[in-house]
Protein backbone atom coordinates (compact mmCIF):
# COMPACT_ATOMS: atom_id res chain seq x y z
CA MET A 1 0.03 -0.03 0.05
CA ASN A 2 1.28 3.44 -0.95
CA ILE A 3 2.41 5.45 2.17
CA LYS A 4 1.36 8.92 0.51
CA LYS A 5 -2.36 7.28 0.09
CA ILE A 6 -2.50 6.41 3.83
CA SER A 7 -1.49 9.72 4.81
CA PHE A 8 -3.98 11.30 2.60
CA ILE A 9 -6.68 9.02 3.83
CA ALA A 10 -5.74 9.77 7.61
CA CYS A 11 -5.80 13.48 6.78
CA LEU A 12 -9.35 13.11 5.49
CA CYS A 13 -10.64 11.13 8.60
CA VAL A 14 -10.32 14.45 10.84
CA PHE A 15 -13.85 15.50 9.45
CA SER A 16 -16.34 13.72 11.61
CA SER A 17 -19.51 14.64 13.30
CA ASN A 18 -19.58 16.27 16.72
CA ALA A 19 -21.12 14.23 19.55
CA ILE A 20 -24.04 15.47 21.33
CA ALA A 21 -25.12 14.73 25.02
CA LEU A 22 -27.95 16.42 26.60
CA ASP A 23 -29.36 15.50 29.99
CA HIS A 24 -31.97 17.33 31.60
CA ARG A 25 -34.01 16.79 34.97
CA SER A 26 -37.04 18.40 35.97
CA GLY A 27 -38.71 17.10 39.08
CA ASN A 28 -39.22 13.26 38.78
CA TRP A 29 -38.96 13.76 34.93
CA ASN A 30 -35.71 12.91 33.12
CA PHE A 31 -34.95 13.47 29.47
CA ARG A 32 -31.64 12.44 27.65
CA LEU A 33 -30.12 12.63 24.22
CA ASP A 34 -27.25 10.89 23.09
CA ALA A 35 -25.24 10.89 19.66
CA ASP A 36 -22.03 9.83 18.30
CA GLY A 37 -20.46 9.50 14.85
CA MET A 38 -17.61 7.84 13.00
CA ALA A 39 -15.85 8.76 9.74
CA GLY A 40 -13.24 7.16 7.83
CA PHE A 41 -12.02 5.15 4.91
CA LEU A 42 -11.85 1.32 3.93
CA GLU A 43 -9.46 0.37 1.32
CA PRO A 44 -10.00 -3.34 0.04
CA ARG A 45 -7.89 -5.01 -2.41
CA ASN A 46 -5.16 -2.20 -2.32
CA ASP A 47 -7.82 -0.64 -4.54
CA LYS A 48 -9.67 2.85 -4.45
CA PRO A 49 -10.64 3.67 -0.90
CA ILE A 50 -14.30 3.55 0.20
CA PHE A 51 -15.80 6.24 2.44
CA ILE A 52 -17.22 4.59 5.58
CA ASN A 53 -19.32 6.15 8.07
CA ASP A 54 -21.37 5.16 11.16
CA TRP A 55 -23.62 7.09 13.72
CA ASP A 56 -26.40 6.79 15.97
CA VAL A 57 -28.81 8.99 17.86
CA LYS A 58 -30.77 7.93 20.99
CA GLY A 59 -33.29 9.71 22.80
CA GLN A 60 -34.90 8.74 26.25
CA ILE A 61 -37.71 10.01 28.42
CA SER A 62 -38.18 8.57 31.88
CA TYR A 63 -40.22 9.36 35.14
CA ASN A 64 -38.97 8.09 38.46
CA PHE A 65 -41.90 7.02 40.84
CA ASN A 66 -39.12 6.80 43.51
CA ARG A 67 -35.53 5.76 43.73
CA MET A 68 -36.50 2.16 42.96
CA GLN A 69 -39.07 2.36 39.99
CA ARG A 70 -39.39 4.15 36.91
CA ILE A 71 -41.16 4.02 33.47
CA GLY A 72 -39.68 5.25 30.33
CA ALA A 73 -39.57 5.33 26.39
CA VAL A 74 -36.86 4.93 24.08
CA TYR A 75 -36.26 5.93 20.47
CA SER A 76 -32.98 5.47 18.53
CA ILE A 77 -31.97 5.63 14.67
CA ASP A 78 -28.57 4.80 13.31
CA ALA A 79 -26.79 4.93 10.01
CA ASP A 80 -27.29 1.20 9.14
CA CYS A 81 -31.04 1.77 9.34
CA VAL A 82 -30.98 4.77 7.04
CA GLU A 83 -29.09 2.87 4.53
CA ASP A 84 -31.64 0.16 4.48
CA LYS A 85 -34.45 2.76 4.20
CA GLU A 86 -35.57 1.92 7.81
CA TYR A 87 -35.99 4.92 10.46
CA ILE A 88 -36.36 3.11 13.41
CA HIS A 89 -33.73 0.99 15.43
CA ASP A 90 -35.43 1.07 18.84
CA ALA A 91 -38.91 2.34 19.86
CA PHE A 92 -40.08 0.92 22.94
CA VAL A 93 -41.40 1.51 26.58
CA LEU A 94 -39.74 0.27 29.76
CA PHE A 95 -40.56 -0.51 33.22
CA GLU A 96 -37.63 -0.84 35.69
CA ASP A 97 -37.40 -1.83 39.32
CA ARG A 98 -33.88 -1.98 40.80
CA ASP A 99 -34.89 -4.93 43.07
CA TYR A 100 -35.99 -7.12 40.30
CA GLY A 101 -35.19 -6.26 36.82
CA ARG A 102 -36.43 -4.40 33.67
CA ALA A 103 -39.31 -5.03 31.18
CA GLU A 104 -39.47 -3.48 27.80
CA PHE A 105 -42.11 -3.81 25.01
CA GLY A 106 -42.01 -2.26 21.36
CA LEU A 107 -39.60 -2.57 18.46
CA THR A 108 -35.97 -3.58 19.88
CA HIS A 109 -33.48 -6.38 19.98
CA SER A 110 -33.95 -9.63 22.16
CA ILE A 111 -32.41 -10.30 25.36
CA ALA A 112 -30.31 -12.86 23.52
CA ARG A 113 -28.64 -9.99 21.35
CA LYS A 114 -28.57 -7.55 24.38
CA MET A 115 -26.73 -9.89 26.78
CA GLY A 116 -24.26 -11.40 24.29
CA LEU A 117 -20.80 -11.37 24.37
CA GLY A 118 -18.93 -10.63 21.36
CA LEU A 119 -15.14 -10.66 20.22
CA PRO A 120 -12.56 -7.97 21.57
CA ASP A 121 -12.02 -5.47 18.81
CA VAL A 122 -10.83 -1.76 19.36
CA GLY A 123 -11.68 -0.57 16.05
CA TYR A 124 -15.21 0.62 14.81
CA LEU A 125 -15.85 -1.90 11.97
CA ARG A 126 -18.73 -3.53 13.84
CA ILE A 127 -17.53 -7.19 13.73
CA ASN A 128 -20.03 -8.07 16.51
CA GLU A 129 -23.32 -6.62 15.08
CA LYS A 130 -24.11 -5.80 11.31
CA SER A 131 -20.73 -5.54 10.21
CA ILE A 132 -19.77 -2.49 8.18
CA LEU A 133 -16.58 -4.51 7.00
CA TYR A 134 -18.64 -7.46 5.25
CA LYS A 135 -21.12 -4.86 3.88
CA LYS A 136 -18.31 -2.74 2.10
CA LEU A 137 -16.20 -5.82 0.94
CA ASP A 138 -19.23 -7.23 -0.80
CA LEU A 139 -18.10 -10.78 -0.55
CA LYS A 140 -19.70 -13.10 -3.04
CA ARG A 141 -19.97 -16.06 -0.50
CA VAL A 142 -22.51 -16.70 2.15
CA LEU A 143 -21.49 -16.11 5.77
CA ILE A 144 -22.69 -15.44 9.35
CA SER A 145 -21.12 -12.21 10.33
CA ASP A 146 -21.43 -12.40 14.30
CA THR A 147 -21.50 -14.97 17.02
CA THR A 148 -24.34 -13.36 19.20
CA ALA A 149 -27.93 -14.76 18.53
CA THR A 150 -30.54 -12.34 17.02
CA THR A 151 -34.09 -12.33 15.82
CA GLY A 152 -33.80 -8.78 14.49
CA HIS A 153 -35.74 -5.71 15.87
CA GLU A 154 -38.63 -5.05 13.75
CA SER A 155 -41.21 -6.98 15.15
CA LEU A 156 -43.09 -6.07 18.46
CA ARG A 157 -41.21 -7.63 21.48
CA LEU A 158 -41.33 -8.08 25.00
CA ASN A 159 -38.28 -8.15 27.01
CA LEU A 160 -37.91 -9.53 30.54
CA ALA A 161 -34.56 -9.37 32.36
CA THR A 162 -33.53 -10.01 35.62
CA LYS A 163 -31.62 -7.28 37.67
CA SER A 164 -28.01 -7.36 36.74
CA THR A 165 -25.71 -8.45 39.64
CA ASP A 166 -22.22 -9.37 40.36
CA TYR A 167 -23.17 -13.04 39.70
CA GLY A 168 -24.95 -12.52 36.34
CA GLN A 169 -28.38 -12.00 34.68
CA TYR A 170 -30.85 -13.86 32.80
CA GLY A 171 -33.75 -12.92 30.64
CA LEU A 172 -36.46 -14.05 28.09
CA SER A 173 -38.05 -12.46 24.92
CA VAL A 174 -41.12 -13.06 23.01
CA SER A 175 -41.69 -11.31 19.77
CA GLY A 176 -44.32 -11.50 16.82
CA GLY A 177 -46.72 -9.49 14.75
CA GLY A 178 -44.45 -8.83 11.91
CA ASP A 179 -44.15 -9.85 8.41
CA ASP A 180 -40.84 -11.81 8.93
CA TYR A 181 -41.88 -14.64 11.11
CA ASN A 182 -44.95 -15.91 12.96
CA TYR A 183 -43.12 -15.62 16.63
CA ALA A 184 -39.92 -16.00 18.05
CA ILE A 185 -38.79 -17.10 21.79
CA ASP A 186 -35.28 -16.03 22.76
CA GLY A 187 -33.58 -16.63 26.28
CA ALA A 188 -30.32 -15.98 27.70
CA LEU A 189 -28.21 -16.34 30.71
CA LYS A 190 -24.95 -14.45 31.53
CA ILE A 191 -22.81 -15.61 34.30
CA LYS A 192 -20.32 -13.21 35.66
CA GLN A 193 -17.02 -13.07 38.25
CA PRO A 194 -16.12 -9.56 38.42
CA HIS A 195 -13.86 -9.60 41.35
CA GLY A 196 -10.03 -10.35 41.95
CA LYS A 197 -7.32 -10.17 39.44
CA LEU A 198 -8.96 -12.60 36.88
CA LYS A 199 -12.44 -11.40 35.86
CA SER A 200 -14.70 -13.61 33.85
CA ALA A 201 -18.21 -13.53 32.02
CA TYR A 202 -19.88 -16.40 30.25
CA TYR A 203 -22.99 -16.14 27.94
CA LEU A 204 -25.49 -18.99 26.81
CA ALA A 205 -28.53 -18.12 24.50
CA VAL A 206 -30.92 -20.13 22.89
CA SER A 207 -33.69 -19.02 20.05
CA TYR A 208 -36.62 -20.28 18.17
CA MET A 209 -38.42 -18.69 15.31
CA ASP A 210 -41.34 -20.07 13.87
CA LYS A 211 -41.70 -19.90 9.96
CA PRO A 212 -39.36 -17.20 9.02
CA ASP A 213 -40.73 -15.72 5.56
CA LYS A 214 -37.99 -13.72 3.67
CA TYR A 215 -36.33 -12.95 7.14
CA GLU A 216 -33.28 -10.66 6.47
CA GLU A 217 -30.78 -10.87 9.27
CA ASN A 218 -28.24 -8.83 7.45
CA SER A 219 -28.37 -6.69 4.14
CA PHE A 220 -25.50 -8.64 2.85
CA SER A 221 -26.85 -12.45 3.47
CA PRO A 222 -29.74 -14.18 1.96
CA ASN A 223 -33.13 -13.85 3.16
CA VAL A 224 -34.52 -16.79 5.18
CA SER A 225 -37.65 -18.80 4.32
CA ALA A 226 -38.08 -21.94 6.23
CA ASP A 227 -40.39 -24.20 8.60
CA TRP A 228 -38.41 -22.91 11.67
CA ARG A 229 -35.03 -21.59 12.65
CA GLY A 230 -33.20 -22.51 15.63
CA GLN A 231 -30.15 -20.85 17.20
CA VAL A 232 -27.63 -21.55 20.07
CA ALA A 233 -24.85 -19.02 21.12
CA VAL A 234 -22.12 -19.22 23.52
CA GLY A 235 -19.62 -16.85 24.78
CA MET A 236 -16.83 -16.23 27.26
CA ASN A 237 -14.68 -13.36 28.27
CA LEU A 238 -11.62 -13.45 30.62
CA GLN A 239 -9.80 -10.18 31.87
CA TYR A 240 -6.52 -10.16 33.50
CA ASN A 241 -5.36 -6.85 34.21
CA SER A 242 -5.25 -4.76 30.79
CA PHE A 243 -5.57 -8.08 28.80
CA ILE A 244 -9.24 -9.43 27.66
CA TRP A 245 -9.36 -12.71 25.90
CA GLY A 246 -12.86 -13.64 24.56
CA THR A 247 -14.20 -16.64 22.35
CA SER A 248 -17.81 -17.03 21.28
CA ALA A 249 -19.75 -19.10 18.65
CA ARG A 250 -23.20 -19.35 17.23
CA ILE A 251 -25.16 -22.42 15.52
CA ILE A 252 -28.18 -21.68 13.55
CA TYR A 253 -30.31 -24.54 11.80
CA ASP A 254 -32.96 -23.97 9.46
CA GLU A 255 -35.65 -26.62 8.99
CA ASP A 256 -36.70 -27.23 5.44
CA PRO A 257 -35.33 -23.81 3.98
CA VAL A 258 -36.45 -22.50 0.68
CA ALA A 259 -34.00 -21.05 -1.82
CA LYS A 260 -30.42 -20.25 -1.02
CA SER A 261 -29.52 -21.23 2.56
CA SER A 262 -27.81 -19.30 5.26
CA ASP A 263 -27.50 -21.37 8.36
CA GLY A 264 -24.69 -23.10 9.72
CA PHE A 265 -22.01 -21.83 12.31
CA VAL A 266 -19.54 -19.09 13.26
CA ALA A 267 -16.86 -19.29 15.63
CA GLY A 268 -14.17 -16.75 16.66
CA THR A 269 -11.53 -15.58 19.31
CA GLY A 270 -9.78 -12.34 19.87
CA LEU A 271 -7.43 -10.76 22.34
CA SER A 272 -7.03 -7.03 23.35
CA TYR A 273 -4.59 -5.15 25.51
CA ASP A 274 -4.84 -1.65 26.86
CA LEU A 275 -2.10 0.52 27.51
CA LEU A 276 -2.58 4.14 28.82
CA GLN A 277 -4.28 5.88 25.95
CA SER A 278 -3.73 2.93 23.45
CA SER A 279 -5.51 -0.20 22.65
CA VAL A 280 -4.66 -2.88 20.35
CA SER A 281 -6.73 -5.93 19.47
CA LEU A 282 -6.39 -9.22 17.29
CA SER A 283 -9.51 -11.30 16.39
CA TYR A 284 -10.33 -14.17 14.09
CA LEU A 285 -13.85 -15.32 12.93
CA PHE A 286 -14.68 -18.57 10.75
CA SER A 287 -18.11 -18.81 9.22
CA ASP A 288 -19.46 -21.99 7.46
CA THR A 289 -22.94 -22.36 5.90
CA LYS A 290 -25.06 -25.12 4.39
CA ILE A 291 -23.65 -27.78 6.76
CA TRP A 292 -27.10 -29.48 7.81
CA ASN A 293 -27.38 -31.71 4.47
CA HIS A 294 -29.65 -29.35 2.76
CA ARG A 295 -30.62 -30.36 -0.78
CA ASP A 296 -32.17 -28.52 -3.58
CA LYS A 297 -35.85 -29.35 -3.95
CA ILE A 298 -35.66 -29.49 -7.84
CA THR A 299 -32.50 -31.38 -8.57
CA ASN A 300 -32.46 -33.28 -5.14
CA GLU A 301 -28.45 -32.23 -5.13
CA LYS A 302 -27.08 -31.38 -1.80
CA MET A 303 -26.28 -27.51 -1.81
CA ARG A 304 -22.56 -26.47 -1.31
CA GLY A 305 -21.68 -24.53 1.58
CA ASP A 306 -19.67 -21.29 1.72
CA TYR A 307 -16.88 -20.71 4.31
CA VAL A 308 -15.05 -17.51 4.96
CA HIS A 309 -11.92 -16.85 7.29
CA THR A 310 -11.46 -13.46 8.67
CA ILE A 311 -8.38 -11.81 10.34
CA LEU A 312 -8.86 -8.42 11.76
CA ALA A 313 -6.33 -6.41 13.71
CA SER A 314 -7.08 -2.95 15.02
CA PHE A 315 -5.47 -0.16 16.88
CA ARG A 316 -7.05 2.87 18.82
CA TYR A 317 -5.69 5.92 20.29
CA LYS A 318 -7.86 7.91 22.63
CA TYR A 319 -7.18 11.77 22.24
CA THR A 320 -10.09 12.61 24.72
CA GLU A 321 -12.47 10.71 26.82
CA HIS A 322 -14.96 10.82 23.85
CA THR A 323 -12.76 11.12 20.81
CA SER A 324 -10.52 8.40 19.34
CA VAL A 325 -8.62 7.58 16.04
CA PHE A 326 -8.43 4.01 14.91
CA MET A 327 -6.49 1.83 12.13
CA SER A 328 -7.59 -1.65 11.20
CA GLY A 329 -6.32 -4.13 8.59
CA GLY A 330 -6.82 -7.84 7.73
CA LEU A 331 -7.65 -10.42 5.42
CA THR A 332 -10.81 -12.12 4.34
CA ASP A 333 -10.42 -15.06 2.08
CA GLU A 334 -7.50 -13.48 -0.12
CA VAL A 335 -9.40 -9.95 0.18
CA PRO A 336 -6.99 -7.79 2.31
CA PHE A 337 -8.27 -4.62 3.65
CA PHE A 338 -7.30 -1.47 5.54
CA ALA A 339 -9.18 1.08 7.28
CA VAL A 340 -8.58 4.27 9.13
CA GLY A 341 -11.08 6.50 11.04
CA LEU A 342 -12.16 9.01 13.65
CA LYS A 343 -14.92 8.51 16.27
CA THR A 344 -16.33 11.08 18.59
CA GLY A 345 -19.04 10.44 21.00
CA PHE A 346 -20.57 9.26 24.20
């Protein structure tokens, strides 16, 4: 890669949206607005750089009955939604009791997604949810991009979660009423040990989706139509001083899928290290699809699976508490890539 080109890209990255954080209290009412933005460039195959950006805005209003209980409403929107011509990422009401837990109802991700443990990554290419990397690389192979169970955020959903404690948390989600599937049930369990030199967290999630009909998990993966979809996801994070090691996996099974299949499994591991204002990470992901003996309904031939290896190394430097620059590079099945950018926000 040309050094002049890298310098040119880095200079352009200083132009980024400013962060906003407004928090106002009036009696028992609380109003909060958060926003952050990232801008940068991704250069695949040592070719022409591609502009990348990511941003999200979240507004919340809540009313505190007392010190233990509150109700509220949340609305959020982000760059990924707008690119897909959707204008809601979250829109839900909530009730929270500090002794027992939290209930949410509306359009939002399930407990299985919200409690998930992703891979360590100090860059901002979103390898743990709706990856910017895979979206921009435009790979021809089918892949499962991340290791956390998900059933989307576009159907009405009820989330119930216990209070998060030093020992862990568990929750249940029930959703339906959308066009993508009849209903879905998700459950998740997180066990934590946050004390001592070696801190740990463990994650288990299961999910059942009834009759997915052109359900889209990601804009870069095939829509799913099948009798039902089942998922199991597991994860583990270990932290020792400034080192964090994470490993996680997700298995997806589609019963009697129609057209191109996108089930299979994805597994990954990664390591990150913090030193003063700098952080580095190295992560690896492997995705394999069509491993459940799927056959073409017309020819009765077994469908061939796709596999994708991804290696990603990232570096981040924190200028201030809320502003960072990052560099990421790696390889995805003979497709090398390099990215730089700046992020500011809360």
